[in-house]
Amino acid sequence: MSNLPSPLELPIPLTDDQFWQLCQQQEELQFERTAQGDLIIMTPTGGITSDRNSDINFQLRAWNRQYKLGKVFDSSGGFKLPNGADRSPDASWVKLERWNALTLEQQAKFVPLCPDFIIELRSLNDSLPKLQKKMEEYQDNGAKLGWLIDPQRKLIEVYRPDQSVEILDSPTTISGEDILPGFVLDLTEIFS
């Protein structure tokens, strides 16, 4: 029995079209795929994490609605990364020029690029090392800025290209820097 794969990560070979069809047919579940093609089945989040995700996406969308610099995606949005992985960050943003360069078909399916900005929010049952590895994968695939928000420890790990991870301890806000000019995420509700 110990040789069986984890029920959440399964080595099931699927083509991109088969993976897309699976996701469309099983809308109540959320899937990701690793660069090696392993299928990851993710459970729905609990109330606390869902509320925090909603707050993050609300703030990011409100900023983007004002500045109109790109497109905002929630945790349901899928991205086909350059390394072949299919990922769905908790919140993400893509520059408008990159979005507009895609065809309508590319925009309608899993977006074939890595977002410019990524947020992953750690829930109570998330493995920190797995989330950190995922953040590194985003950086390796072209993300310009990433935040791993860990409410349990009240820490934010900031990921930038070609830099060491910066750790912020109990910040009340965090800036989108020059990637998202003018965006400041208020962490009051997320860390409460």
C-alpha atoms as a PDB file:
ATOM      1  CA  MET A   1       0.000   0.000   0.000  1.00  0.00           C
ATOM      2  CA  SER A   2       2.913   2.398   0.630  1.00  0.00           C
ATOM      3  CA  ASN A   3       3.809   2.288  -3.089  1.00  0.00           C
ATOM      4  CA  LEU A   4       0.526   3.925  -4.086  1.00  0.00           C
ATOM      5  CA  PRO A   5       0.716   7.589  -5.040  1.00  0.00           C
ATOM      6  CA  SER A   6      -0.867  10.204  -2.847  1.00  0.00           C
ATOM      7  CA  PRO A   7      -4.552  10.641  -3.680  1.00  0.00           C
ATOM      8  CA  LEU A   8      -3.897  14.329  -4.333  1.00  0.00           C
ATOM      9  CA  GLU A   9      -0.977  13.880  -6.782  1.00  0.00           C
ATOM     10  CA  LEU A  10      -1.505  11.222  -9.402  1.00  0.00           C
ATOM     11  CA  PRO A  11       0.795  10.316 -12.303  1.00  0.00           C
ATOM     12  CA  ILE A  12      -1.968  10.246 -14.942  1.00  0.00           C
ATOM     13  CA  PRO A  13      -0.774  11.068 -18.459  1.00  0.00           C
ATOM     14  CA  LEU A  14      -3.172  13.491 -20.158  1.00  0.00           C
ATOM     15  CA  THR A  15      -2.804  15.599 -23.273  1.00  0.00           C
ATOM     16  CA  ASP A  16      -3.539  19.308 -22.938  1.00  0.00           C
ATOM     17  CA  ASP A  17      -6.955  18.777 -24.557  1.00  0.00           C
ATOM     18  CA  GLN A  18      -7.770  15.862 -22.240  1.00  0.00           C
ATOM     19  CA  PHE A  19      -6.750  17.922 -19.214  1.00  0.00           C
ATOM     20  CA  TRP A  20      -8.940  20.824 -20.405  1.00  0.00           C
ATOM     21  CA  GLN A  21     -11.905  18.453 -20.892  1.00  0.00           C
ATOM     22  CA  LEU A  22     -11.406  16.917 -17.443  1.00  0.00           C
ATOM     23  CA  CYS A  23     -11.448  20.361 -15.852  1.00  0.00           C
ATOM     24  CA  GLN A  24     -14.603  21.330 -17.764  1.00  0.00           C
ATOM     25  CA  GLN A  25     -16.427  18.106 -16.870  1.00  0.00           C
ATOM     26  CA  GLN A  26     -15.486  18.245 -13.177  1.00  0.00           C
ATOM     27  CA  GLU A  27     -16.186  21.910 -12.444  1.00  0.00           C
ATOM     28  CA  GLU A  28     -16.698  21.274  -8.725  1.00  0.00           C
ATOM     29  CA  LEU A  29     -13.039  20.229  -8.424  1.00  0.00           C
ATOM     30  CA  GLN A  30      -9.907  22.235  -9.071  1.00  0.00           C
ATOM     31  CA  PHE A  31      -6.957  20.644 -10.831  1.00  0.00           C
ATOM     32  CA  GLU A  32      -3.356  21.553 -11.505  1.00  0.00           C
ATOM     33  CA  ARG A  33      -0.616  19.635 -13.309  1.00  0.00           C
ATOM     34  CA  THR A  34       3.080  19.601 -12.595  1.00  0.00           C
ATOM     35  CA  ALA A  35       5.650  20.114 -15.350  1.00  0.00           C
ATOM     36  CA  GLN A  36       6.135  16.322 -15.259  1.00  0.00           C
ATOM     37  CA  GLY A  37       2.413  15.821 -16.003  1.00  0.00           C
ATOM     38  CA  ASP A  38       1.295  14.641 -12.551  1.00  0.00           C
ATOM     39  CA  LEU A  39      -2.335  15.521 -11.883  1.00  0.00           C
ATOM     40  CA  ILE A  40      -2.989  17.453  -8.665  1.00  0.00           C
ATOM     41  CA  ILE A  41      -6.523  17.443  -7.278  1.00  0.00           C
ATOM     42  CA  MET A  42      -7.123  20.352  -4.933  1.00  0.00           C
ATOM     43  CA  THR A  43      -9.945  20.423  -2.428  1.00  0.00           C
ATOM     44  CA  PRO A  44     -12.177  23.446  -1.918  1.00  0.00           C
ATOM     45  CA  THR A  45     -10.882  25.866   0.700  1.00  0.00           C
ATOM     46  CA  GLY A  46     -12.480  26.417   4.073  1.00  0.00           C
ATOM     47  CA  GLY A  47     -14.339  29.548   5.046  1.00  0.00           C
ATOM     48  CA  ILE A  48     -11.392  31.454   6.526  1.00  0.00           C
ATOM     49  CA  THR A  49      -9.163  30.952   3.488  1.00  0.00           C
ATOM     50  CA  SER A  50     -12.012  31.681   1.071  1.00  0.00           C
ATOM     51  CA  ASP A  51     -12.742  34.966   2.856  1.00  0.00           C
ATOM     52  CA  ARG A  52      -9.068  35.940   2.767  1.00  0.00           C
ATOM     53  CA  ASN A  53      -8.800  35.035  -0.946  1.00  0.00           C
ATOM     54  CA  SER A  54     -11.874  37.127  -1.645  1.00  0.00           C
ATOM     55  CA  ASP A  55     -10.353  40.122   0.156  1.00  0.00           C
ATOM     56  CA  ILE A  56      -7.079  39.811  -1.781  1.00  0.00           C
ATOM     57  CA  ASN A  57      -8.854  39.554  -5.130  1.00  0.00           C
ATOM     58  CA  PHE A  58     -11.179  42.450  -4.260  1.00  0.00           C
ATOM     59  CA  GLN A  59      -8.229  44.728  -3.494  1.00  0.00           C
ATOM     60  CA  LEU A  60      -6.289  43.692  -6.600  1.00  0.00           C
ATOM     61  CA  ARG A  61      -9.330  44.110  -8.864  1.00  0.00           C
ATOM     62  CA  ALA A  62     -10.187  47.518  -7.362  1.00  0.00           C
ATOM     63  CA  TRP A  63      -6.641  48.746  -8.060  1.00  0.00           C
ATOM     64  CA  ASN A  64      -6.716  47.351 -11.595  1.00  0.00           C
ATOM     65  CA  ARG A  65     -10.129  48.867 -12.295  1.00  0.00           C
ATOM     66  CA  GLN A  66      -8.678  52.267 -11.418  1.00  0.00           C
ATOM     67  CA  TYR A  67      -5.385  51.949 -13.334  1.00  0.00           C
ATOM     68  CA  LYS A  68      -6.453  49.571 -16.160  1.00  0.00           C
ATOM     69  CA  LEU A  69      -2.932  48.189 -16.627  1.00  0.00           C
ATOM     70  CA  GLY A  70      -3.776  44.505 -17.000  1.00  0.00           C
ATOM     71  CA  LYS A  71      -6.101  41.622 -16.225  1.00  0.00           C
ATOM     72  CA  VAL A  72      -6.776  40.137 -12.776  1.00  0.00           C
ATOM     73  CA  PHE A  73      -7.441  36.430 -12.198  1.00  0.00           C
ATOM     74  CA  ASP A  74      -8.752  34.533  -9.191  1.00  0.00           C
ATOM     75  CA  SER A  75      -7.918  30.995  -8.097  1.00  0.00           C
ATOM     76  CA  SER A  76     -10.162  29.516 -10.796  1.00  0.00           C
ATOM     77  CA  GLY A  77      -7.978  30.892 -13.598  1.00  0.00           C
ATOM     78  CA  GLY A  78      -5.612  28.386 -15.175  1.00  0.00           C
ATOM     79  CA  PHE A  79      -2.231  29.160 -16.727  1.00  0.00           C
ATOM     80  CA  LYS A  80      -0.126  26.911 -18.951  1.00  0.00           C
ATOM     81  CA  LEU A  81       3.401  27.822 -17.858  1.00  0.00           C
ATOM     82  CA  PRO A  82       6.329  27.708 -20.284  1.00  0.00           C
ATOM     83  CA  ASN A  83       7.680  24.596 -18.488  1.00  0.00           C
ATOM     84  CA  GLY A  84       4.430  22.730 -19.291  1.00  0.00           C
ATOM     85  CA  ALA A  85       2.838  22.918 -15.831  1.00  0.00           C
ATOM     86  CA  ASP A  86      -0.806  23.988 -15.483  1.00  0.00           C
ATOM     87  CA  ARG A  87      -1.198  26.209 -12.421  1.00  0.00           C
ATOM     88  CA  SER A  88      -3.943  28.265 -10.765  1.00  0.00           C
ATOM     89  CA  PRO A  89      -2.529  30.857  -8.357  1.00  0.00           C
ATOM     90  CA  ASP A  90      -4.843  32.247  -5.685  1.00  0.00           C
ATOM     91  CA  ALA A  91      -4.588  35.681  -7.314  1.00  0.00           C
ATOM     92  CA  SER A  92      -2.648  36.829 -10.333  1.00  0.00           C
ATOM     93  CA  TRP A  93      -2.253  39.662 -12.785  1.00  0.00           C
ATOM     94  CA  VAL A  94      -1.077  39.897 -16.401  1.00  0.00           C
ATOM     95  CA  LYS A  95       0.039  43.090 -18.146  1.00  0.00           C
ATOM     96  CA  LEU A  96      -2.516  44.297 -20.660  1.00  0.00           C
ATOM     97  CA  GLU A  97      -0.005  44.192 -23.559  1.00  0.00           C
ATOM     98  CA  ARG A  98       0.714  40.500 -22.914  1.00  0.00           C
ATOM     99  CA  TRP A  99      -3.000  39.695 -22.567  1.00  0.00           C
ATOM    100  CA  ASN A 100      -3.914  41.550 -25.756  1.00  0.00           C
ATOM    101  CA  ALA A 101      -1.192  39.680 -27.676  1.00  0.00           C
ATOM    102  CA  LEU A 102      -3.073  36.403 -27.087  1.00  0.00           C
ATOM    103  CA  THR A 103      -5.690  35.077 -29.476  1.00  0.00           C
ATOM    104  CA  LEU A 104      -9.304  34.804 -28.339  1.00  0.00           C
ATOM    105  CA  GLU A 105      -8.898  31.008 -28.162  1.00  0.00           C
ATOM    106  CA  GLN A 106      -5.792  31.374 -25.954  1.00  0.00           C
ATOM    107  CA  GLN A 107      -7.670  33.756 -23.666  1.00  0.00           C
ATOM    108  CA  ALA A 108     -10.645  31.380 -23.434  1.00  0.00           C
ATOM    109  CA  LYS A 109      -8.674  28.305 -22.312  1.00  0.00           C
ATOM    110  CA  PHE A 110      -5.769  27.957 -19.908  1.00  0.00           C
ATOM    111  CA  VAL A 111      -3.761  31.089 -20.592  1.00  0.00           C
ATOM    112  CA  PRO A 112      -0.446  30.064 -22.227  1.00  0.00           C
ATOM    113  CA  LEU A 113       1.901  32.213 -20.165  1.00  0.00           C
ATOM    114  CA  CYS A 114       3.082  32.857 -16.640  1.00  0.00           C
ATOM    115  CA  PRO A 115       1.394  35.817 -14.938  1.00  0.00           C
ATOM    116  CA  ASP A 116       3.528  38.883 -14.227  1.00  0.00           C
ATOM    117  CA  PHE A 117       2.315  38.925 -10.611  1.00  0.00           C
ATOM    118  CA  ILE A 118       1.346  35.988  -8.392  1.00  0.00           C
ATOM    119  CA  ILE A 119      -0.161  35.606  -4.928  1.00  0.00           C
ATOM    120  CA  GLU A 120      -0.394  32.284  -3.133  1.00  0.00           C
ATOM    121  CA  LEU A 121      -2.237  32.297   0.196  1.00  0.00           C
ATOM    122  CA  ARG A 122      -1.302  29.512   2.592  1.00  0.00           C
ATOM    123  CA  SER A 123      -4.306  27.786   4.137  1.00  0.00           C
ATOM    124  CA  LEU A 124      -4.169  25.765   7.355  1.00  0.00           C
ATOM    125  CA  ASN A 125      -3.526  22.452   5.579  1.00  0.00           C
ATOM    126  CA  ASP A 126      -1.127  23.698   2.847  1.00  0.00           C
ATOM    127  CA  SER A 127       2.419  22.366   2.859  1.00  0.00           C
ATOM    128  CA  LEU A 128       4.781  25.346   3.124  1.00  0.00           C
ATOM    129  CA  PRO A 129       7.637  23.619   1.222  1.00  0.00           C
ATOM    130  CA  LYS A 130       5.265  22.752  -1.666  1.00  0.00           C
ATOM    131  CA  LEU A 131       4.026  26.349  -1.848  1.00  0.00           C
ATOM    132  CA  GLN A 132       7.594  27.663  -1.777  1.00  0.00           C
ATOM    133  CA  LYS A 133       8.515  25.300  -4.601  1.00  0.00           C
ATOM    134  CA  LYS A 134       5.491  26.527  -6.575  1.00  0.00           C
ATOM    135  CA  MET A 135       6.567  30.160  -6.034  1.00  0.00           C
ATOM    136  CA  GLU A 136      10.045  29.304  -7.341  1.00  0.00           C
ATOM    137  CA  GLU A 137       8.415  27.656 -10.359  1.00  0.00           C
ATOM    138  CA  TYR A 138       6.505  30.864 -11.111  1.00  0.00           C
ATOM    139  CA  GLN A 139       9.754  32.860 -10.889  1.00  0.00           C
ATOM    140  CA  ASP A 140      11.549  30.385 -13.149  1.00  0.00           C
ATOM    141  CA  ASN A 141       8.737  30.755 -15.693  1.00  0.00           C
ATOM    142  CA  GLY A 142       8.779  34.544 -15.859  1.00  0.00           C
ATOM    143  CA  ALA A 143       6.790  36.015 -12.947  1.00  0.00           C
ATOM    144  CA  LYS A 144       8.121  39.472 -12.101  1.00  0.00           C
ATOM    145  CA  LEU A 145       6.793  39.566  -8.537  1.00  0.00           C
ATOM    146  CA  GLY A 146       5.260  36.976  -6.237  1.00  0.00           C
ATOM    147  CA  TRP A 147       3.924  36.989  -2.700  1.00  0.00           C
ATOM    148  CA  LEU A 148       3.486  33.890  -0.580  1.00  0.00           C
ATOM    149  CA  ILE A 149       1.191  35.073   2.208  1.00  0.00           C
ATOM    150  CA  ASP A 150       1.265  32.937   5.351  1.00  0.00           C
ATOM    151  CA  PRO A 151      -1.412  34.112   7.829  1.00  0.00           C
ATOM    152  CA  GLN A 152      -0.491  31.452  10.426  1.00  0.00           C
ATOM    153  CA  ARG A 153       3.008  32.888  10.810  1.00  0.00           C
ATOM    154  CA  LYS A 154       1.992  36.447   9.764  1.00  0.00           C
ATOM    155  CA  LEU A 155       4.790  36.402   7.191  1.00  0.00           C
ATOM    156  CA  ILE A 156       5.036  37.280   3.531  1.00  0.00           C
ATOM    157  CA  GLU A 157       7.725  35.783   1.357  1.00  0.00           C
ATOM    158  CA  VAL A 158       8.470  38.126  -1.559  1.00  0.00           C
ATOM    159  CA  TYR A 159       9.790  36.528  -4.752  1.00  0.00           C
ATOM    160  CA  ARG A 160      11.564  38.600  -7.403  1.00  0.00           C
ATOM    161  CA  PRO A 161      13.646  37.474 -10.401  1.00  0.00           C
ATOM    162  CA  ASP A 162      17.335  36.899  -9.685  1.00  0.00           C
ATOM    163  CA  GLN A 163      17.021  37.886  -6.020  1.00  0.00           C
ATOM    164  CA  SER A 164      16.899  36.059  -2.722  1.00  0.00           C
ATOM    165  CA  VAL A 165      13.481  35.652  -1.156  1.00  0.00           C
ATOM    166  CA  GLU A 166      12.666  38.569   1.135  1.00  0.00           C
ATOM    167  CA  ILE A 167      10.688  37.747   4.276  1.00  0.00           C
ATOM    168  CA  LEU A 168       8.422  40.397   5.797  1.00  0.00           C
ATOM    169  CA  ASP A 169       7.333  39.812   9.386  1.00  0.00           C
ATOM    170  CA  SER A 170       3.824  41.013  10.314  1.00  0.00           C
ATOM    171  CA  PRO A 171       3.510  43.797   7.737  1.00  0.00           C
ATOM    172  CA  THR A 172       0.266  45.787   7.734  1.00  0.00           C
ATOM    173  CA  THR A 173       0.578  46.537   4.006  1.00  0.00           C
ATOM    174  CA  ILE A 174       2.714  45.489   1.060  1.00  0.00           C
ATOM    175  CA  SER A 175       3.450  47.424  -2.117  1.00  0.00           C
ATOM    176  CA  GLY A 176       3.189  46.162  -5.686  1.00  0.00           C
ATOM    177  CA  GLU A 177       6.429  48.025  -6.391  1.00  0.00           C
ATOM    178  CA  ASP A 178       7.009  49.024 -10.022  1.00  0.00           C
ATOM    179  CA  ILE A 179       5.254  45.881 -11.314  1.00  0.00           C
ATOM    180  CA  LEU A 180       1.860  47.097 -10.042  1.00  0.00           C
ATOM    181  CA  PRO A 181       2.392  50.855  -9.602  1.00  0.00           C
ATOM    182  CA  GLY A 182       0.152  52.317  -6.939  1.00  0.00           C
ATOM    183  CA  PHE A 183      -1.085  48.951  -5.632  1.00  0.00           C
ATOM    184  CA  VAL A 184      -0.864  48.466  -1.878  1.00  0.00           C
ATOM    185  CA  LEU A 185      -2.413  45.364  -0.321  1.00  0.00           C
ATOM    186  CA  ASP A 186      -3.922  46.011   3.104  1.00  0.00           C
ATOM    187  CA  LEU A 187      -3.246  42.928   5.238  1.00  0.00           C
ATOM    188  CA  THR A 188      -5.430  43.882   8.219  1.00  0.00           C
ATOM    189  CA  GLU A 189      -8.238  41.410   7.440  1.00  0.00           C
ATOM    190  CA  ILE A 190      -5.917  38.746   6.039  1.00  0.00           C
ATOM    191  CA  PHE A 191      -3.755  38.616   9.171  1.00  0.00           C
ATOM    192  CA  SER A 192      -6.640  38.966  11.652  1.00  0.00           C
END
